[in-house]
Amino acid sequence: MARCERRFAPPPHAARSRKGQRGARGQQHHARWALAGLSRYILASGLTVCLAACTRSTRGSNAPDSDRQSESEYDVARDLFLSRHDPRGALAHAQKAVEFNDQNADAHHFIALIYLYFCSASPLECRLPDAERAARQAIKLRADYREAQNTLGVILIQEKKYDEAVAVLGPLSRDILYQTPWDAWGNLGLAYLEKGSLDEAVAALRRSVAAEPRFCVGNFRLGLALEKKGDLTAAREALSLAVETNRPECQSLQDAFEARARVYSKSKNCDLAKGDWEKCRDISPVSPAGQRCVASLKSSLC
């Protein structure tokens, strides 16, 4: 929407109590990994894949037993999700963390991220209302939980609640304490893009890539917005910046190669279009984007 993505940069939370600091960076990594699977949205956050070790702090020996059990379940969930790539097991333990302590904002946010991951895996397993409910609960418990606000914005975009997403992401993008503002600007731009407000989308996405020039997802989305506005030259430039950014996740941004091929085709640069469709196909011929690129190579009259 997503991230994750930054990638998904330092943790986006302001200084908070020790309880709030516990897992701040870990939550940032969770967001990036979960959102990284959401090809349209997260692509989001620069959210490529960031599987660095997550940090945590303990509640201490004086914490109530239920709080310590909640923290323990949360740590197990985090390990299952990040290290063992077992989202179902992670969800079960994250839910246990909430059962032991329903004030555990990190666990609520983590549940939202896991639900987002399921959405990326299969539409049949996508439970966006559950994801929204968990993200909102995390924010209710911790009003300055900026990463959860970003996650909520991504969820609302996927639910096609664009005005609500703008209402969440707009203030976040302007929050001077948010350490990865390009994520919020990028998701805000996506909300405007999906809504059809192209001028607002371009403005937000330009702010995103100005804040982080290496945020290739931002340039990808900017290219899409400019293409829709009919500015093919500017669209090609943005898409080229996306795929030529010196990061592996950018140089394998399949949707961006497909988009640039489409722009080249509209401009009658047929050899360049064919080259990008081939690059898109070579990344993965079986993904949705890869299948479209294979079809374009067979059917395009460019």
Protein backbone atom coordinates (compact mmCIF):
# COMPACT_ATOMS: atom_id res chain seq x y z
CA MET A 1 0.00 0.00 0.00
CA ALA A 2 2.89 -1.51 2.95
CA ARG A 3 6.48 -0.22 3.72
CA CYS A 4 8.60 -3.48 5.19
CA GLU A 5 9.16 -0.80 2.94
CA ARG A 6 13.26 1.75 4.24
CA ARG A 7 13.33 -1.26 4.04
CA PHE A 8 11.02 -1.42 4.84
CA ALA A 9 15.62 2.59 7.74
CA PRO A 10 15.45 3.27 11.32
CA PRO A 11 12.33 2.47 13.29
CA PRO A 12 9.58 5.00 12.68
CA HIS A 13 8.54 5.45 16.27
CA ALA A 14 9.27 8.44 18.41
CA ALA A 15 11.00 7.98 21.73
CA ARG A 16 8.65 6.22 24.09
CA SER A 17 8.63 4.25 27.26
CA ARG A 18 10.64 1.09 27.59
CA LYS A 19 7.54 -0.91 26.87
CA GLY A 20 7.05 1.02 23.65
CA GLN A 21 10.69 0.66 22.68
CA ARG A 22 10.55 -3.11 23.03
CA GLY A 23 10.31 -4.49 19.55
CA ALA A 24 10.20 -1.12 17.79
CA ARG A 25 12.83 -2.15 15.29
CA GLY A 26 11.42 -5.64 15.21
CA GLN A 27 8.01 -4.28 14.25
CA GLN A 28 9.66 -2.26 11.48
CA HIS A 29 11.20 -5.45 10.10
CA HIS A 30 7.90 -7.33 10.46
CA ALA A 31 6.14 -4.65 8.49
CA ARG A 32 8.63 -4.79 5.70
CA TRP A 33 8.64 -8.57 5.42
CA ALA A 34 4.86 -8.88 5.53
CA LEU A 35 4.22 -5.99 3.22
CA ALA A 36 6.93 -7.06 0.84
CA GLY A 37 4.62 -9.76 -0.46
CA LEU A 38 1.92 -7.30 -1.45
CA SER A 39 3.05 -6.62 -4.99
CA ARG A 40 0.77 -3.67 -5.70
CA TYR A 41 0.91 -2.07 -2.32
CA ILE A 42 4.04 -3.01 -0.90
CA LEU A 43 6.06 -2.96 -3.20
CA ALA A 44 5.33 -0.41 -0.65
CA SER A 45 7.52 1.06 1.63
CA GLY A 46 10.64 0.32 -0.12
CA LEU A 47 9.62 -2.73 1.45
CA THR A 48 11.67 -5.06 -0.12
CA VAL A 49 12.87 -7.75 2.19
CA CYS A 50 14.65 -6.86 5.42
CA LEU A 51 15.28 -9.91 7.55
CA ALA A 52 17.84 -8.44 9.90
CA ALA A 53 17.62 -9.61 13.48
CA CYS A 54 14.93 -7.86 15.48
CA THR A 55 15.71 -6.22 18.76
CA ARG A 56 13.66 -6.50 21.89
CA SER A 57 13.76 -5.61 25.55
CA THR A 58 12.23 -7.53 28.39
CA ARG A 59 9.58 -6.36 30.80
CA GLY A 60 11.71 -7.31 33.78
CA SER A 61 11.23 -9.69 36.67
CA ASN A 62 8.68 -7.42 38.36
CA ALA A 63 6.23 -7.57 35.48
CA PRO A 64 3.00 -9.49 36.09
CA ASP A 65 3.06 -13.12 34.99
CA SER A 66 0.46 -12.50 32.30
CA ASP A 67 2.57 -9.69 30.81
CA ARG A 68 5.67 -11.87 30.75
CA GLN A 69 3.73 -14.70 29.13
CA SER A 70 2.41 -12.27 26.55
CA GLU A 71 5.94 -11.09 25.76
CA SER A 72 7.11 -14.68 25.50
CA GLU A 73 4.33 -15.61 23.08
CA TYR A 74 5.09 -12.51 21.04
CA ASP A 75 8.77 -13.49 20.81
CA VAL A 76 7.81 -16.98 19.65
CA ALA A 77 5.48 -15.50 17.05
CA ARG A 78 8.21 -13.19 15.80
CA ASP A 79 10.66 -16.05 15.46
CA LEU A 80 8.17 -18.21 13.60
CA PHE A 81 7.33 -15.40 11.20
CA LEU A 82 10.80 -14.04 10.50
CA SER A 83 13.11 -16.99 10.95
CA ARG A 84 10.96 -19.99 10.14
CA HIS A 85 8.57 -18.34 7.70
CA ASP A 86 5.60 -19.97 9.41
CA PRO A 87 2.86 -17.30 9.35
CA ARG A 88 0.13 -19.62 10.64
CA GLY A 89 2.14 -20.62 13.66
CA ALA A 90 3.12 -16.99 14.17
CA LEU A 91 -0.52 -15.90 14.09
CA ALA A 92 -1.49 -18.49 16.69
CA HIS A 93 1.20 -17.32 19.10
CA ALA A 94 0.51 -13.63 18.45
CA GLN A 95 -3.13 -14.25 19.31
CA LYS A 96 -2.04 -16.00 22.51
CA ALA A 97 0.07 -12.94 23.32
CA VAL A 98 -3.06 -10.81 23.11
CA GLU A 99 -5.02 -13.30 25.21
CA PHE A 100 -2.44 -13.01 27.99
CA ASN A 101 -2.29 -9.22 27.71
CA ASP A 102 -4.83 -7.39 25.57
CA GLN A 103 -2.81 -4.19 26.10
CA ASN A 104 0.12 -5.55 24.06
CA ALA A 105 0.07 -3.07 21.17
CA ASP A 106 2.99 -4.75 19.38
CA ALA A 107 1.14 -8.06 19.29
CA HIS A 108 -1.98 -6.43 17.86
CA HIS A 109 0.10 -4.74 15.16
CA PHE A 110 1.89 -7.99 14.41
CA ILE A 111 -1.45 -9.73 13.95
CA ALA A 112 -2.44 -7.06 11.42
CA LEU A 113 0.78 -7.63 9.50
CA ILE A 114 0.29 -11.38 9.40
CA TYR A 115 -3.23 -10.94 8.05
CA LEU A 116 -1.76 -8.69 5.35
CA TYR A 117 0.71 -11.41 4.51
CA PHE A 118 -2.12 -13.89 4.07
CA CYS A 119 -3.75 -11.43 1.65
CA SER A 120 -0.61 -11.51 -0.46
CA ALA A 121 -0.60 -15.30 -0.46
CA SER A 122 -4.20 -16.01 -1.44
CA PRO A 123 -7.39 -13.99 -1.90
CA LEU A 124 -9.25 -16.84 -0.19
CA GLU A 125 -7.20 -16.32 2.97
CA CYS A 126 -7.38 -12.53 2.93
CA ARG A 127 -9.09 -11.11 6.01
CA LEU A 128 -8.74 -7.38 5.66
CA PRO A 129 -11.44 -6.53 8.24
CA ASP A 130 -9.49 -8.55 10.82
CA ALA A 131 -6.28 -6.80 9.79
CA GLU A 132 -7.94 -3.39 10.10
CA ARG A 133 -9.38 -4.25 13.50
CA ALA A 134 -5.98 -5.33 14.84
CA ALA A 135 -4.17 -2.28 13.47
CA ARG A 136 -6.76 0.08 14.93
CA GLN A 137 -6.46 -1.62 18.30
CA ALA A 138 -2.69 -1.18 18.26
CA ILE A 139 -3.14 2.54 17.58
CA LYS A 140 -5.83 2.82 20.24
CA LEU A 141 -3.43 1.38 22.77
CA ARG A 142 -0.51 3.53 21.64
CA ALA A 143 -1.53 6.79 20.01
CA ASP A 144 2.00 7.49 18.72
CA TYR A 145 2.40 4.08 17.07
CA ARG A 146 3.41 5.47 13.71
CA GLU A 147 4.31 2.18 12.06
CA ALA A 148 0.86 0.85 12.91
CA GLN A 149 -0.65 3.99 11.40
CA ASN A 150 1.24 3.30 8.18
CA THR A 151 0.06 -0.31 8.24
CA LEU A 152 -3.53 0.83 8.75
CA GLY A 153 -3.19 3.11 5.74
CA VAL A 154 -2.06 0.17 3.60
CA ILE A 155 -4.99 -1.92 4.79
CA LEU A 156 -7.48 0.84 4.02
CA ILE A 157 -6.08 1.18 0.51
CA GLN A 158 -6.57 -2.53 -0.08
CA GLU A 159 -10.11 -2.21 1.24
CA LYS A 160 -10.64 0.61 -1.30
CA LYS A 161 -11.37 3.02 1.55
CA TYR A 162 -9.26 5.68 -0.09
CA ASP A 163 -10.60 8.71 1.75
CA GLU A 164 -10.01 6.99 5.08
CA ALA A 165 -6.50 6.03 3.98
CA VAL A 166 -5.76 9.64 3.06
CA ALA A 167 -7.05 10.76 6.46
CA VAL A 168 -4.59 8.40 8.17
CA LEU A 169 -1.57 8.79 5.89
CA GLY A 170 -1.76 12.53 5.32
CA PRO A 171 -0.99 13.54 8.91
CA LEU A 172 1.56 10.73 9.21
CA SER A 173 3.47 11.95 6.14
CA ARG A 174 3.77 15.39 7.74
CA ASP A 175 4.71 14.06 11.19
CA ILE A 176 8.23 15.30 11.84
CA LEU A 177 8.79 12.46 14.31
CA TYR A 178 8.14 9.76 11.71
CA GLN A 179 11.60 8.59 10.72
CA THR A 180 10.67 7.07 7.34
CA PRO A 181 8.31 9.69 5.87
CA TRP A 182 8.84 8.39 2.34
CA ASP A 183 6.79 5.35 3.33
CA ALA A 184 3.84 7.49 4.34
CA TRP A 185 4.18 9.80 1.32
CA GLY A 186 4.46 6.75 -0.94
CA ASN A 187 1.35 5.11 0.48
CA LEU A 188 -0.50 8.43 0.45
CA GLY A 189 0.40 8.77 -3.22
CA LEU A 190 -0.90 5.26 -3.85
CA ALA A 191 -4.19 6.10 -2.14
CA TYR A 192 -4.59 9.14 -4.38
CA LEU A 193 -3.57 7.11 -7.44
CA GLU A 194 -6.14 4.39 -6.74
CA LYS A 195 -8.72 7.08 -6.04
CA GLY A 196 -8.04 8.71 -9.40
CA SER A 197 -6.71 11.99 -7.96
CA LEU A 198 -3.67 12.09 -10.23
CA ASP A 199 -2.35 15.56 -9.43
CA GLU A 200 -2.39 14.80 -5.70
CA ALA A 201 -0.80 11.41 -6.37
CA VAL A 202 2.07 12.94 -8.34
CA ALA A 203 2.66 15.59 -5.68
CA ALA A 204 2.76 13.03 -2.85
CA LEU A 205 4.96 10.61 -4.75
CA ARG A 206 7.42 13.35 -5.66
CA ARG A 207 7.67 14.15 -1.96
CA SER A 208 8.29 10.45 -1.29
CA VAL A 209 11.23 10.08 -3.66
CA ALA A 210 12.62 13.49 -2.68
CA ALA A 211 12.80 12.24 0.92
CA GLU A 212 14.43 8.95 -0.17
CA PRO A 213 15.73 8.91 -3.78
CA ARG A 214 16.50 5.18 -3.50
CA PHE A 215 12.85 4.38 -2.76
CA CYS A 216 12.24 2.60 -6.05
CA VAL A 217 8.64 1.71 -5.24
CA GLY A 218 7.93 5.43 -4.97
CA ASN A 219 9.42 6.03 -8.42
CA PHE A 220 7.45 3.09 -9.77
CA ARG A 221 4.18 4.51 -8.48
CA LEU A 222 5.16 7.96 -9.70
CA GLY A 223 5.69 6.47 -13.16
CA LEU A 224 2.22 4.93 -13.06
CA ALA A 225 0.63 8.24 -12.07
CA LEU A 226 2.47 10.15 -14.80
CA GLU A 227 1.52 7.51 -17.35
CA LYS A 228 -2.12 7.94 -16.43
CA LYS A 229 -1.72 11.70 -16.84
CA GLY A 230 -0.39 11.09 -20.34
CA ASP A 231 3.13 12.39 -19.65
CA LEU A 232 4.97 9.45 -21.16
CA THR A 233 8.42 11.06 -21.10
CA ALA A 234 8.25 11.81 -17.38
CA ALA A 235 6.71 8.38 -16.75
CA ARG A 236 9.58 6.66 -18.52
CA GLU A 237 12.11 8.67 -16.52
CA ALA A 238 10.49 7.75 -13.20
CA LEU A 239 10.21 4.08 -14.13
CA SER A 240 13.83 4.03 -15.26
CA LEU A 241 14.89 5.47 -11.90
CA ALA A 242 12.88 2.69 -10.24
CA VAL A 243 14.51 -0.25 -12.03
CA GLU A 244 17.99 1.29 -12.26
CA THR A 245 18.33 2.00 -8.54
CA ASN A 246 21.35 0.07 -7.31
CA ARG A 247 19.46 -2.31 -5.07
CA PRO A 248 18.61 -5.94 -5.92
CA GLU A 249 14.95 -5.49 -5.00
CA CYS A 250 14.71 -2.54 -7.38
CA GLN A 251 16.42 -4.23 -10.28
CA SER A 252 13.95 -7.11 -9.96
CA LEU A 253 10.87 -4.89 -9.69
CA GLN A 254 8.87 -6.85 -12.23
CA ASP A 255 5.82 -4.59 -12.33
CA ALA A 256 8.06 -1.61 -13.09
CA PHE A 257 9.62 -3.35 -16.10
CA GLU A 258 6.13 -4.18 -17.33
CA ALA A 259 5.03 -0.58 -16.86
CA ARG A 260 8.07 0.82 -18.66
CA ALA A 261 7.54 -1.62 -21.53
CA ARG A 262 3.97 -0.36 -21.78
CA VAL A 263 5.20 3.25 -21.89
CA TYR A 264 7.78 2.39 -24.54
CA SER A 265 5.07 0.64 -26.56
CA LYS A 266 2.79 3.68 -26.40
CA SER A 267 5.73 5.78 -27.59
CA LYS A 268 6.40 3.31 -30.43
CA ASN A 269 9.84 2.44 -29.06
CA CYS A 270 9.18 -1.18 -29.91
CA ASP A 271 12.67 -2.63 -29.44
CA LEU A 272 12.92 -1.10 -25.97
CA ALA A 273 9.43 -2.30 -25.12
CA LYS A 274 10.34 -5.83 -26.17
CA GLY A 275 13.51 -5.69 -24.09
CA ASP A 276 11.57 -4.74 -20.95
CA TRP A 277 8.90 -7.37 -21.53
CA GLU A 278 11.70 -9.93 -21.81
CA LYS A 279 13.28 -8.69 -18.56
CA CYS A 280 9.89 -8.87 -16.90
CA ARG A 281 9.37 -12.42 -18.16
CA ASP A 282 12.83 -13.51 -17.06
CA ILE A 283 12.22 -12.38 -13.48
CA SER A 284 9.30 -14.81 -13.24
CA PRO A 285 7.19 -16.05 -16.15
CA VAL A 286 4.54 -17.53 -13.85
CA SER A 287 3.71 -14.49 -11.72
CA PRO A 288 0.72 -12.36 -12.80
CA ALA A 289 3.03 -9.66 -14.16
CA GLY A 290 5.23 -12.27 -15.83
CA GLN A 291 2.25 -13.88 -17.53
CA ARG A 292 1.13 -10.48 -18.84
CA CYS A 293 4.61 -9.80 -20.17
CA VAL A 294 4.72 -13.18 -21.92
CA ALA A 295 1.33 -12.42 -23.48
CA SER A 296 2.53 -9.00 -24.61
CA LEU A 297 5.60 -10.49 -26.26
CA LYS A 298 3.32 -12.81 -28.22
CA SER A 299 0.56 -10.39 -29.12
CA SER A 300 1.96 -6.88 -29.23
CA LEU A 301 1.87 -5.20 -32.62
CA CYS A 302 4.40 -2.59 -31.54
